[in-house]
């Protein structure tokens, strides 16, 4: 590691009713990966938005190469060598990869756009990062993981970058894509770039970071060398308590539990003859690599996409689900993996988002019952420990993890019997994960049935009663939790159709 290139100290930031940062600090050296960790709402993203010119600090100082600096906007920060890849995707879906990466910096010939050169520059950049993406592809046609990699490529396209902030870069990545990301990071380290790495995946810290800065409740806690601490030490600094989740060794579902959801021979362009059953009080895990068809299967069940064939039975009766409302009316709630696009209305309040599926019950003849809405919303804020100043707070001002809690509250209030959780803890810190796990176990104990898609093996093994594994749109295996191991899951998750036929 080299000399200190960035130092932030005494940083204060206030929002209406919230002291978001209280004497926060951060130091980054050339050629190091500095992890920035803390629970949701700890102030990590706010500190980074101040660094990159999105927010103005109320007090404190930022030093870049020993010089006091003030950034007026993100472009100003980029020109000075600081780039950020945000936790939530900020790409324009209808533009191509090349158009997104070089927007505002397009190569021209005279007054005309040189599209061929733009595509060529983008393709060269992608190839240098070992990304197998066509520069001419519309972003909306890419998976969430590929879109995340485009965001990273866009940040690295600024050749002057000296400090790169990665805010939850691995949240949507598979293991192989994560290895590619780590390879990029090591290449950048070798050139002297300082990297701020924000992640809730604690196991990653030991693999890629040099030092760890911990924040809690908007304040600086400590900075430690990664090699000198255990992950348990870091977690304790983050949450102020010890967290331990005991793995599940056997199913909690009685053998004679009734089947509440049955899917038979479900088919679409991306789903091939999928069948499975979900029992009352069961947590059914769905495993598979990115693109295995897990999300596509759930979207068919919920009526978000049209199925070509197959039947869906709810409590033994065939269900005609053609629209998400049909699924909701049958007691099926779906938490999308992309909460920003499909799960929330960021411009509305916490209360508005929480009660959206239940407005009919909370409305009179002509008016909504505001008192009841705020009362019910408050109940779930307390139940899920959601950090928000009030029920009227706009959702966009909450951290990603607290936004996810609002999505969960929405379906709990609707009292759905079947809950489909697609990556329920993506972007959520270890403390909040523990709360979500306890809530899911509580719901199952109360008789709710849960389908949980997760890309995290430890999460699947910790929470599931059974695990269904998919590969290339097909169910390739099913494991009771008593026999499930990471090795068995990966064996099924990589069992391609050609291998099965042979």
Protein backbone atom coordinates (compact mmCIF):
# COMPACT_ATOMS: atom_id res chain seq x y z
CA UNK A 1 0.00 0.00 0.00
CA UNK A 2 1.17 3.51 -0.77
CA UNK A 3 0.69 6.97 0.65
CA UNK A 4 -2.64 8.37 1.82
CA UNK A 5 -4.49 9.80 -1.18
CA UNK A 6 -7.85 10.55 0.46
CA UNK A 7 -8.72 11.66 3.97
CA UNK A 8 -12.19 12.66 5.22
CA UNK A 9 -12.52 13.83 8.83
CA UNK A 10 -15.04 15.57 11.05
CA UNK A 11 -17.80 15.07 8.47
CA UNK A 12 -21.24 16.20 9.61
CA UNK A 13 -24.49 15.85 7.67
CA UNK A 14 -28.04 16.72 8.70
CA UNK A 15 -31.33 15.89 7.00
CA UNK A 16 -34.73 17.05 8.30
CA UNK A 17 -35.12 15.27 11.62
CA UNK A 18 -32.02 13.13 11.11
CA UNK A 19 -28.35 13.59 12.12
CA UNK A 20 -27.06 11.29 9.37
CA UNK A 21 -23.31 11.74 9.96
CA UNK A 22 -21.68 12.73 13.23
CA UNK A 23 -17.91 13.28 13.02
CA UNK A 24 -17.47 10.57 10.37
CA UNK A 25 -14.04 9.85 8.94
CA UNK A 26 -12.30 7.74 6.31
CA UNK A 27 -8.75 7.29 5.02
CA UNK A 28 -7.75 5.60 1.76
CA UNK A 29 -4.21 4.80 0.60
CA UNK A 30 -2.94 4.29 -2.93
CA UNK A 31 -3.22 0.68 -4.07
CA UNK A 32 -5.41 -0.56 -1.22
CA UNK A 33 -8.94 -1.85 -0.88
CA UNK A 34 -10.57 -0.15 2.09
CA UNK A 35 -13.77 -1.88 3.20
CA UNK A 36 -16.45 0.45 4.55
CA UNK A 37 -18.96 -1.53 6.60
CA UNK A 38 -21.88 -0.94 8.93
CA UNK A 39 -25.55 -1.73 9.28
CA UNK A 40 -28.10 -0.16 6.95
CA UNK A 41 -28.55 3.43 8.06
CA UNK A 42 -25.02 3.57 9.50
CA UNK A 43 -24.16 6.38 7.07
CA UNK A 44 -21.91 4.61 4.57
CA UNK A 45 -23.77 5.67 1.42
CA UNK A 46 -24.29 9.21 2.76
CA UNK A 47 -20.54 9.56 3.38
CA UNK A 48 -19.79 8.37 -0.14
CA UNK A 49 -22.37 10.72 -1.66
CA UNK A 50 -20.59 13.59 0.08
CA UNK A 51 -17.26 12.36 -1.27
CA UNK A 52 -18.61 12.21 -4.83
CA UNK A 53 -20.37 15.58 -4.81
CA UNK A 54 -23.95 14.29 -4.66
CA UNK A 55 -24.50 15.77 -1.17
CA UNK A 56 -22.93 18.83 0.46
CA UNK A 57 -21.34 18.26 3.86
CA UNK A 58 -22.44 20.50 6.72
CA UNK A 59 -19.01 20.43 8.39
CA UNK A 60 -15.64 18.70 8.22
CA UNK A 61 -12.94 18.44 5.56
CA UNK A 62 -12.02 16.34 2.52
CA UNK A 63 -8.35 16.10 1.55
CA UNK A 64 -7.26 14.66 -1.80
CA UNK A 65 -3.49 14.21 -2.15
CA UNK A 66 -3.08 16.49 0.88
CA UNK A 67 -5.15 19.33 -0.62
CA UNK A 68 -8.51 20.47 0.78
CA UNK A 69 -11.18 19.98 -1.88
CA UNK A 70 -14.87 20.76 -2.35
CA UNK A 71 -16.86 18.92 -5.00
CA UNK A 72 -19.86 20.78 -6.41
CA UNK A 73 -21.37 17.82 -8.29
CA UNK A 74 -20.47 14.27 -9.40
CA UNK A 75 -18.90 15.50 -12.65
CA UNK A 76 -16.58 17.73 -10.64
CA UNK A 77 -15.57 14.74 -8.49
CA UNK A 78 -15.00 12.57 -11.57
CA UNK A 79 -12.74 15.18 -13.13
CA UNK A 80 -10.68 15.18 -9.93
CA UNK A 81 -10.35 11.38 -10.07
CA UNK A 82 -13.18 10.05 -7.87
CA UNK A 83 -15.78 7.70 -9.36
CA UNK A 84 -18.60 5.70 -7.77
CA UNK A 85 -20.65 2.65 -8.70
CA UNK A 86 -23.93 2.97 -6.80
CA UNK A 87 -25.76 0.16 -5.04
CA UNK A 88 -28.90 0.78 -7.10
CA UNK A 89 -28.53 0.60 -10.87
CA UNK A 90 -28.53 3.99 -12.58
CA UNK A 91 -28.46 2.91 -16.20
CA UNK A 92 -30.86 4.05 -18.93
CA UNK A 93 -32.66 0.88 -19.91
CA UNK A 94 -33.51 1.81 -23.51
CA UNK A 95 -29.97 2.86 -24.44
CA UNK A 96 -27.17 0.53 -25.47
CA UNK A 97 -24.22 -0.40 -23.29
CA UNK A 98 -21.96 1.95 -25.27
CA UNK A 99 -24.46 4.82 -25.05
CA UNK A 100 -24.70 4.40 -21.28
CA UNK A 101 -20.95 4.25 -20.71
CA UNK A 102 -20.06 7.31 -22.78
CA UNK A 103 -23.17 9.44 -22.31
CA UNK A 104 -22.10 13.08 -22.15
CA UNK A 105 -18.65 12.14 -23.48
CA UNK A 106 -19.56 10.83 -26.92
CA UNK A 107 -16.84 10.82 -29.61
CA UNK A 108 -17.73 13.04 -32.55
CA UNK A 109 -16.71 13.82 -36.11
CA UNK A 110 -17.34 17.53 -36.43
CA UNK A 111 -20.82 18.06 -35.08
CA UNK A 112 -21.91 14.44 -35.63
CA UNK A 113 -21.78 11.48 -33.26
CA UNK A 114 -19.19 8.89 -34.23
CA UNK A 115 -21.23 5.85 -33.20
CA UNK A 116 -18.82 3.32 -34.70
CA UNK A 117 -15.93 4.71 -32.65
CA UNK A 118 -18.11 4.81 -29.52
CA UNK A 119 -19.02 1.14 -29.98
CA UNK A 120 -15.39 0.24 -30.66
CA UNK A 121 -14.12 2.10 -27.57
CA UNK A 122 -16.75 0.40 -25.43
CA UNK A 123 -15.99 -3.06 -26.81
CA UNK A 124 -12.28 -2.59 -26.15
CA UNK A 125 -13.05 -1.49 -22.58
CA UNK A 126 -15.33 -4.47 -21.97
CA UNK A 127 -12.78 -6.91 -23.39
CA UNK A 128 -10.02 -5.41 -21.23
CA UNK A 129 -12.24 -6.18 -18.23
CA UNK A 130 -12.96 -9.71 -19.51
CA UNK A 131 -16.68 -8.90 -19.86
CA UNK A 132 -18.48 -10.88 -22.54
CA UNK A 133 -21.06 -8.22 -23.40
CA UNK A 134 -21.87 -6.71 -26.80
CA UNK A 135 -21.46 -2.92 -26.68
CA UNK A 136 -24.49 -2.54 -28.96
CA UNK A 137 -26.90 -4.44 -26.68
CA UNK A 138 -29.75 -2.54 -25.06
CA UNK A 139 -29.20 -2.47 -21.30
CA UNK A 140 -32.74 -3.69 -20.56
CA UNK A 141 -31.88 -6.97 -22.31
CA UNK A 142 -29.10 -7.70 -19.81
CA UNK A 143 -29.47 -9.53 -16.51
CA UNK A 144 -29.16 -7.56 -13.28
CA UNK A 145 -25.66 -9.00 -12.86
CA UNK A 146 -24.54 -7.88 -16.32
CA UNK A 147 -26.02 -4.42 -15.73
CA UNK A 148 -23.97 -4.19 -12.53
CA UNK A 149 -20.82 -5.00 -14.48
CA UNK A 150 -21.67 -2.29 -17.02
CA UNK A 151 -21.89 0.19 -14.13
CA UNK A 152 -18.40 -0.83 -13.03
CA UNK A 153 -17.07 -0.54 -16.58
CA UNK A 154 -18.58 2.95 -16.84
CA UNK A 155 -16.75 4.05 -13.69
CA UNK A 156 -13.48 2.60 -14.97
CA UNK A 157 -13.90 4.33 -18.33
CA UNK A 158 -12.74 7.54 -16.62
CA UNK A 159 -9.00 7.14 -17.13
CA UNK A 160 -8.23 9.72 -14.43
CA UNK A 161 -9.84 7.62 -11.68
CA UNK A 162 -7.66 7.59 -8.52
CA UNK A 163 -10.36 6.60 -6.00
CA UNK A 164 -13.09 4.14 -7.00
CA UNK A 165 -16.08 3.63 -4.70
CA UNK A 166 -17.91 0.33 -5.13
CA UNK A 167 -21.23 0.39 -3.24
CA UNK A 168 -22.45 -3.22 -2.92
CA UNK A 169 -20.88 -4.28 -6.25
CA UNK A 170 -21.30 -8.00 -5.64
CA UNK A 171 -24.96 -8.04 -4.59
CA UNK A 172 -26.19 -9.33 -7.96
CA UNK A 173 -23.13 -11.33 -9.04
CA UNK A 174 -22.59 -15.07 -9.32
CA UNK A 175 -19.45 -16.69 -7.90
CA UNK A 176 -17.71 -16.67 -11.29
CA UNK A 177 -18.63 -13.03 -11.90
CA UNK A 178 -17.41 -12.21 -8.40
CA UNK A 179 -14.03 -13.73 -9.24
CA UNK A 180 -13.90 -11.51 -12.34
CA UNK A 181 -14.70 -8.49 -10.18
CA UNK A 182 -11.92 -9.37 -7.74
CA UNK A 183 -9.55 -9.74 -10.69
CA UNK A 184 -10.46 -6.20 -11.85
CA UNK A 185 -9.91 -4.89 -8.37
CA UNK A 186 -6.47 -6.49 -8.07
CA UNK A 187 -5.50 -5.03 -11.46
CA UNK A 188 -6.60 -1.59 -10.29
CA UNK A 189 -4.67 -1.94 -7.02
CA UNK A 190 -1.51 -2.62 -9.01
CA UNK A 191 -1.93 0.72 -10.80
CA UNK A 192 -2.19 2.62 -7.51
CA UNK A 193 -5.96 3.20 -7.50
CA UNK A 194 -7.48 3.39 -4.02
CA UNK A 195 -10.74 1.46 -3.72
CA UNK A 196 -13.53 1.92 -1.19
CA UNK A 197 -15.45 -1.35 -1.05
CA UNK A 198 -18.89 -1.29 0.61
CA UNK A 199 -20.37 -4.74 1.16
CA UNK A 200 -22.69 -6.63 3.49
CA UNK A 201 -21.17 -9.95 2.46
CA UNK A 202 -18.77 -10.42 5.32
CA UNK A 203 -17.02 -13.40 3.76
CA UNK A 204 -15.76 -11.15 0.94
CA UNK A 205 -13.78 -8.90 3.27
CA UNK A 206 -11.06 -11.48 3.93
CA UNK A 207 -10.76 -12.23 0.21
CA UNK A 208 -10.23 -8.78 -1.21
CA UNK A 209 -9.76 -6.00 1.39
CA UNK A 210 -6.64 -4.68 3.11
CA UNK A 211 -8.25 -2.61 5.86
CA UNK A 212 -11.76 -2.21 7.26
CA UNK A 213 -13.44 0.97 8.48
CA UNK A 214 -16.54 0.39 10.62
CA UNK A 215 -19.42 2.85 11.07
CA UNK A 216 -22.42 2.67 13.39
CA UNK A 217 -25.35 5.10 13.64
CA UNK A 218 -23.60 7.72 11.52
CA UNK A 219 -20.41 7.67 13.58
CA UNK A 220 -16.90 6.36 13.02
CA UNK A 221 -16.13 3.28 15.15
CA UNK A 222 -12.65 2.09 14.14
CA UNK A 223 -10.29 1.16 11.31
CA UNK A 224 -8.52 -2.22 11.49
CA UNK A 225 -6.20 -4.31 9.34
CA UNK A 226 -8.21 -7.11 7.74
CA UNK A 227 -5.53 -9.68 8.55
CA UNK A 228 -5.67 -8.84 12.26
CA UNK A 229 -9.39 -9.41 12.94
CA UNK A 230 -12.03 -12.09 12.54
CA UNK A 231 -15.34 -11.54 10.80
CA UNK A 232 -17.08 -12.00 14.15
CA UNK A 233 -14.98 -9.10 15.52
CA UNK A 234 -16.10 -6.89 12.62
CA UNK A 235 -19.77 -7.85 13.02
CA UNK A 236 -19.64 -7.07 16.74
CA UNK A 237 -18.20 -3.61 15.99
CA UNK A 238 -20.94 -3.03 13.42
CA UNK A 239 -23.95 -3.98 15.52
CA UNK A 240 -22.66 -3.73 19.08
CA UNK A 241 -23.62 -7.33 19.80
CA UNK A 242 -22.74 -10.90 18.85
CA UNK A 243 -24.84 -12.46 16.08
CA UNK A 244 -24.91 -16.21 15.48
CA UNK A 245 -27.33 -18.02 13.20
CA UNK A 246 -27.58 -21.75 13.91
CA UNK A 247 -27.70 -23.80 10.69
CA UNK A 248 -30.85 -25.82 10.04
CA UNK A 249 -30.14 -29.55 10.36
CA UNK A 250 -33.63 -30.90 9.66
CA UNK A 251 -36.95 -29.81 8.20
CA UNK A 252 -39.51 -28.29 10.55
CA UNK A 253 -42.42 -29.28 8.28
CA UNK A 254 -44.57 -32.28 9.28
CA UNK A 255 -44.60 -35.08 6.71
CA UNK A 256 -48.39 -34.82 6.42
CA UNK A 257 -48.48 -31.03 6.00
CA UNK A 258 -50.96 -30.03 3.27
CA UNK A 259 -49.72 -28.78 -0.11
CA UNK A 260 -50.67 -25.12 -0.54
CA UNK A 261 -49.07 -24.50 -3.94
CA UNK A 262 -48.46 -27.03 -6.71
CA UNK A 263 -46.82 -26.23 -10.02
CA UNK A 264 -46.95 -28.78 -12.85
CA UNK A 265 -45.02 -28.66 -16.14
CA UNK A 266 -44.69 -24.88 -16.22
CA UNK A 267 -43.25 -23.66 -19.53
CA UNK A 268 -42.20 -20.42 -21.25
CA UNK A 269 -39.25 -19.30 -23.36
CA UNK A 270 -37.00 -19.38 -20.27
CA UNK A 271 -38.73 -22.06 -18.16
CA UNK A 272 -38.76 -25.70 -19.25
CA UNK A 273 -41.29 -28.10 -17.75
CA UNK A 274 -40.87 -27.00 -14.13
CA UNK A 275 -42.81 -28.85 -11.42
CA UNK A 276 -42.68 -28.62 -7.62
CA UNK A 277 -44.83 -28.49 -4.47
CA UNK A 278 -44.87 -26.09 -1.53
CA UNK A 279 -46.28 -27.26 1.81
CA UNK A 280 -47.96 -25.30 4.57
CA UNK A 281 -45.40 -23.80 6.95
CA UNK A 282 -42.47 -24.65 4.67
CA UNK A 283 -39.51 -22.54 3.57
CA UNK A 284 -38.66 -23.88 0.12
CA UNK A 285 -35.29 -22.68 -1.14
CA UNK A 286 -34.58 -22.20 -4.84
CA UNK A 287 -30.91 -22.50 -5.82
CA UNK A 288 -29.13 -22.07 -9.13
CA UNK A 289 -26.65 -19.92 -10.96
CA UNK A 290 -27.57 -16.60 -12.55
CA UNK A 291 -29.85 -17.26 -15.52
CA UNK A 292 -31.04 -20.63 -14.19
CA UNK A 293 -34.69 -19.55 -14.55
CA UNK A 294 -35.63 -19.17 -10.88
CA UNK A 295 -36.94 -15.60 -11.12
CA UNK A 296 -38.60 -16.35 -14.46
CA UNK A 297 -40.46 -19.28 -12.85
CA UNK A 298 -41.77 -17.11 -10.02
CA UNK A 299 -42.87 -14.38 -12.42
CA UNK A 300 -44.96 -16.97 -14.27
CA UNK A 301 -46.56 -18.12 -11.03
CA UNK A 302 -47.42 -14.52 -10.10
CA UNK A 303 -48.83 -13.62 -13.50
CA UNK A 304 -46.13 -11.04 -14.23
CA UNK A 305 -45.19 -12.99 -17.38
CA UNK A 306 -47.35 -15.18 -19.60
CA UNK A 307 -46.87 -18.94 -19.42
CA UNK A 308 -47.04 -21.11 -22.53
CA UNK A 309 -48.13 -24.26 -20.72
CA UNK A 310 -48.51 -25.82 -17.30
CA UNK A 311 -50.91 -25.62 -14.38
CA UNK A 312 -50.81 -23.88 -11.01
CA UNK A 313 -52.88 -25.17 -8.10
CA UNK A 314 -53.56 -23.24 -4.90
CA UNK A 315 -54.86 -25.36 -2.02
CA UNK A 316 -55.63 -28.16 -4.46
CA UNK A 317 -57.68 -26.06 -6.89
CA UNK A 318 -56.42 -25.01 -10.31
CA UNK A 319 -55.75 -21.28 -10.37
CA UNK A 320 -56.26 -19.01 -13.36
CA UNK A 321 -53.49 -16.48 -12.85
CA UNK A 322 -53.15 -14.07 -15.76
CA UNK A 323 -52.14 -10.93 -13.87
CA UNK A 324 -50.32 -10.15 -10.59
CA UNK A 325 -53.63 -9.05 -9.07
CA UNK A 326 -54.99 -12.56 -9.64
CA UNK A 327 -52.08 -13.94 -7.61
CA UNK A 328 -52.57 -11.40 -4.82
CA UNK A 329 -56.29 -12.24 -4.66
CA UNK A 330 -55.30 -15.90 -4.19
CA UNK A 331 -52.97 -14.98 -1.33
CA UNK A 332 -49.64 -15.01 -3.19
CA UNK A 333 -47.23 -12.14 -2.57
CA UNK A 334 -44.03 -11.61 -4.59
CA UNK A 335 -40.96 -9.67 -3.44
CA UNK A 336 -38.93 -8.89 -6.56
CA UNK A 337 -35.13 -9.10 -6.58
CA UNK A 338 -35.10 -5.58 -8.08
CA UNK A 339 -37.05 -3.63 -5.45
CA UNK A 340 -36.31 -0.27 -7.07
CA UNK A 341 -37.96 -1.16 -10.40
CA UNK A 342 -40.68 -3.60 -9.40
CA UNK A 343 -41.27 -3.45 -5.66
CA UNK A 344 -41.51 0.18 -4.58
CA UNK A 345 -42.69 3.68 -5.47
CA UNK A 346 -39.71 5.72 -4.33
CA UNK A 347 -41.56 9.03 -4.67
CA UNK A 348 -44.27 7.96 -2.21
CA UNK A 349 -44.11 7.71 1.56
CA UNK A 350 -43.35 4.68 3.71
CA UNK A 351 -47.05 4.47 4.60
CA UNK A 352 -48.23 4.70 0.98
CA UNK A 353 -45.88 1.90 -0.08
CA UNK A 354 -46.81 -0.31 2.86
CA UNK A 355 -50.57 -0.18 2.26
CA UNK A 356 -50.68 -0.24 -1.56
CA UNK A 357 -51.93 -3.86 -1.89
CA UNK A 358 -54.36 -3.36 1.02
CA UNK A 359 -55.96 -0.03 0.08
CA UNK A 360 -59.40 -1.58 -0.46
CA UNK A 361 -59.49 -2.71 3.17
CA UNK A 362 -58.21 0.65 4.43
CA UNK A 363 -60.59 2.83 2.44
CA UNK A 364 -64.11 4.04 3.09
CA UNK A 365 -66.69 4.86 0.46
CA UNK A 366 -64.71 7.79 -0.96
CA UNK A 367 -61.66 8.37 1.26
CA UNK A 368 -58.74 6.41 2.59
CA UNK A 369 -58.53 5.97 6.36
CA UNK A 370 -55.35 7.87 7.14
CA UNK A 371 -55.39 7.10 10.84
CA UNK A 372 -55.64 3.36 10.23
CA UNK A 373 -52.99 3.53 7.50
CA UNK A 374 -50.49 5.24 9.79
CA UNK A 375 -51.35 2.93 12.68
CA UNK A 376 -50.86 -0.26 10.62
CA UNK A 377 -47.70 1.09 9.01
CA UNK A 378 -46.32 1.94 12.43
CA UNK A 379 -46.97 -1.63 13.59
CA UNK A 380 -44.76 -3.03 10.84
CA UNK A 381 -42.09 -0.37 11.32
CA UNK A 382 -41.80 -1.62 14.90
CA UNK A 383 -42.08 -5.30 13.96
CA UNK A 384 -39.31 -5.10 11.34
CA UNK A 385 -37.20 -2.47 13.16
CA UNK A 386 -37.34 -0.23 10.09
CA UNK A 387 -35.24 2.91 10.50
CA UNK A 388 -37.36 5.85 9.32
CA UNK A 389 -38.14 9.24 10.90
CA UNK A 390 -41.89 8.73 10.36
CA UNK A 391 -44.53 6.94 8.31
CA UNK A 392 -44.72 9.99 6.02
CA UNK A 393 -41.02 9.91 5.11
CA UNK A 394 -40.43 9.52 1.35
CA UNK A 395 -39.11 6.07 0.59
CA UNK A 396 -36.22 7.34 -1.53
CA UNK A 397 -34.60 8.81 1.60
CA UNK A 398 -34.33 5.38 3.30
CA UNK A 399 -31.32 3.10 2.99
CA UNK A 400 -31.58 0.07 0.68
CA UNK A 401 -32.05 -2.36 3.55
CA UNK A 402 -34.85 -0.33 5.09
CA UNK A 403 -36.53 -0.06 1.69
CA UNK A 404 -36.47 -3.86 1.55
CA UNK A 405 -38.18 -4.01 4.94
CA UNK A 406 -40.99 -1.83 3.57
CA UNK A 407 -41.47 -4.32 0.69
CA UNK A 408 -41.77 -7.14 3.21
CA UNK A 409 -44.17 -5.09 5.36
CA UNK A 410 -46.37 -4.52 2.30
CA UNK A 411 -47.03 -8.24 1.86
CA UNK A 412 -47.26 -9.01 5.56
CA UNK A 413 -49.99 -6.40 5.91
CA UNK A 414 -51.81 -7.96 2.94
CA UNK A 415 -51.69 -11.24 4.95
CA UNK A 416 -50.61 -13.45 2.04
CA UNK A 417 -50.47 -17.19 2.75
CA UNK A 418 -47.72 -17.79 0.15
CA UNK A 419 -44.76 -15.42 0.09
CA UNK A 420 -42.16 -15.54 -2.68
CA UNK A 421 -38.93 -13.86 -1.55
CA UNK A 422 -36.55 -13.26 -4.47
CA UNK A 423 -33.11 -12.51 -2.93
CA UNK A 424 -34.72 -11.17 0.29
CA UNK A 425 -31.46 -10.08 1.95
CA UNK A 426 -29.64 -8.62 -1.06
CA UNK A 427 -27.99 -5.38 0.04
CA UNK A 428 -28.97 -5.90 3.68
CA UNK A 429 -26.46 -5.88 6.54
CA UNK A 430 -25.83 -8.78 8.90
CA UNK A 431 -27.94 -7.31 11.71
CA UNK A 432 -30.93 -6.77 9.43
CA UNK A 433 -30.40 -10.21 7.89
CA UNK A 434 -30.72 -11.77 11.32
CA UNK A 435 -34.01 -9.92 11.82
CA UNK A 436 -35.31 -11.05 8.41
CA UNK A 437 -34.36 -14.66 9.15
CA UNK A 438 -36.16 -14.60 12.49
CA UNK A 439 -39.21 -13.07 10.82
CA UNK A 440 -39.27 -15.73 8.09
CA UNK A 441 -39.01 -18.53 10.66
CA UNK A 442 -41.78 -16.89 12.68
CA UNK A 443 -44.02 -16.64 9.60
CA UNK A 444 -43.41 -20.31 8.78
CA UNK A 445 -44.22 -21.28 12.37
CA UNK A 446 -47.51 -19.36 12.03
CA UNK A 447 -48.42 -21.43 8.97
CA UNK A 448 -47.27 -19.13 6.16
CA UNK A 449 -45.46 -20.81 3.27
CA UNK A 450 -42.34 -19.24 1.77
CA UNK A 451 -40.41 -19.71 -1.46
CA UNK A 452 -36.95 -18.17 -1.10
CA UNK A 453 -34.66 -17.59 -4.08
CA UNK A 454 -31.12 -16.94 -2.91
CA UNK A 455 -27.69 -16.84 -4.51
CA UNK A 456 -26.03 -17.25 -1.11
CA UNK A 457 -25.38 -20.89 -0.25
CA UNK A 458 -25.10 -20.32 3.53
CA UNK A 459 -28.48 -18.57 3.47
CA UNK A 460 -30.14 -21.45 1.62
CA UNK A 461 -28.66 -24.02 4.00
CA UNK A 462 -29.57 -21.96 7.06
CA UNK A 463 -33.19 -21.22 6.16
CA UNK A 464 -34.61 -23.91 3.86
CA UNK A 465 -36.59 -27.03 4.75
CA UNK A 466 -36.10 -28.28 1.19
CA UNK A 467 -34.04 -26.94 -1.71
CA UNK A 468 -35.06 -27.08 -5.39
CA UNK A 469 -32.12 -26.60 -7.77
CA UNK A 470 -32.46 -25.25 -11.31
CA UNK A 471 -30.15 -25.04 -14.32
CA UNK A 472 -30.95 -23.55 -17.73
CA UNK A 473 -34.66 -23.24 -16.98
CA UNK A 474 -35.09 -26.80 -15.68
CA UNK A 475 -35.39 -28.38 -12.26
CA UNK A 476 -32.29 -30.56 -11.99
CA UNK A 477 -32.53 -31.66 -8.36
CA UNK A 478 -34.37 -31.50 -5.06
CA UNK A 479 -32.74 -31.91 -1.65
CA UNK A 480 -34.10 -32.24 1.87
CA UNK A 481 -32.14 -29.91 4.15
CA UNK A 482 -30.84 -32.91 6.14
CA UNK A 483 -28.90 -34.12 3.07
CA UNK A 484 -28.13 -30.77 1.41
CA UNK A 485 -24.53 -29.56 1.06
CA UNK A 486 -22.93 -26.83 -1.02
CA UNK A 487 -21.25 -29.49 -3.15
CA UNK A 488 -24.53 -31.28 -3.93
CA UNK A 489 -26.27 -28.00 -4.74
CA UNK A 490 -23.49 -26.93 -7.11
CA UNK A 491 -23.51 -30.34 -8.78
CA UNK A 492 -27.21 -29.94 -9.62
CA UNK A 493 -26.83 -26.22 -10.47
CA UNK A 494 -24.27 -27.03 -13.19
CA UNK A 495 -26.08 -30.08 -14.61
CA UNK A 496 -26.75 -28.88 -18.13
CA UNK A 497 -29.23 -30.54 -20.46
CA UNK A 498 -26.48 -32.11 -22.58
CA UNK A 499 -24.95 -33.70 -19.49
CA UNK A 500 -28.34 -35.02 -18.36
CA UNK A 501 -28.99 -36.56 -21.79
CA UNK A 502 -25.60 -38.25 -21.84
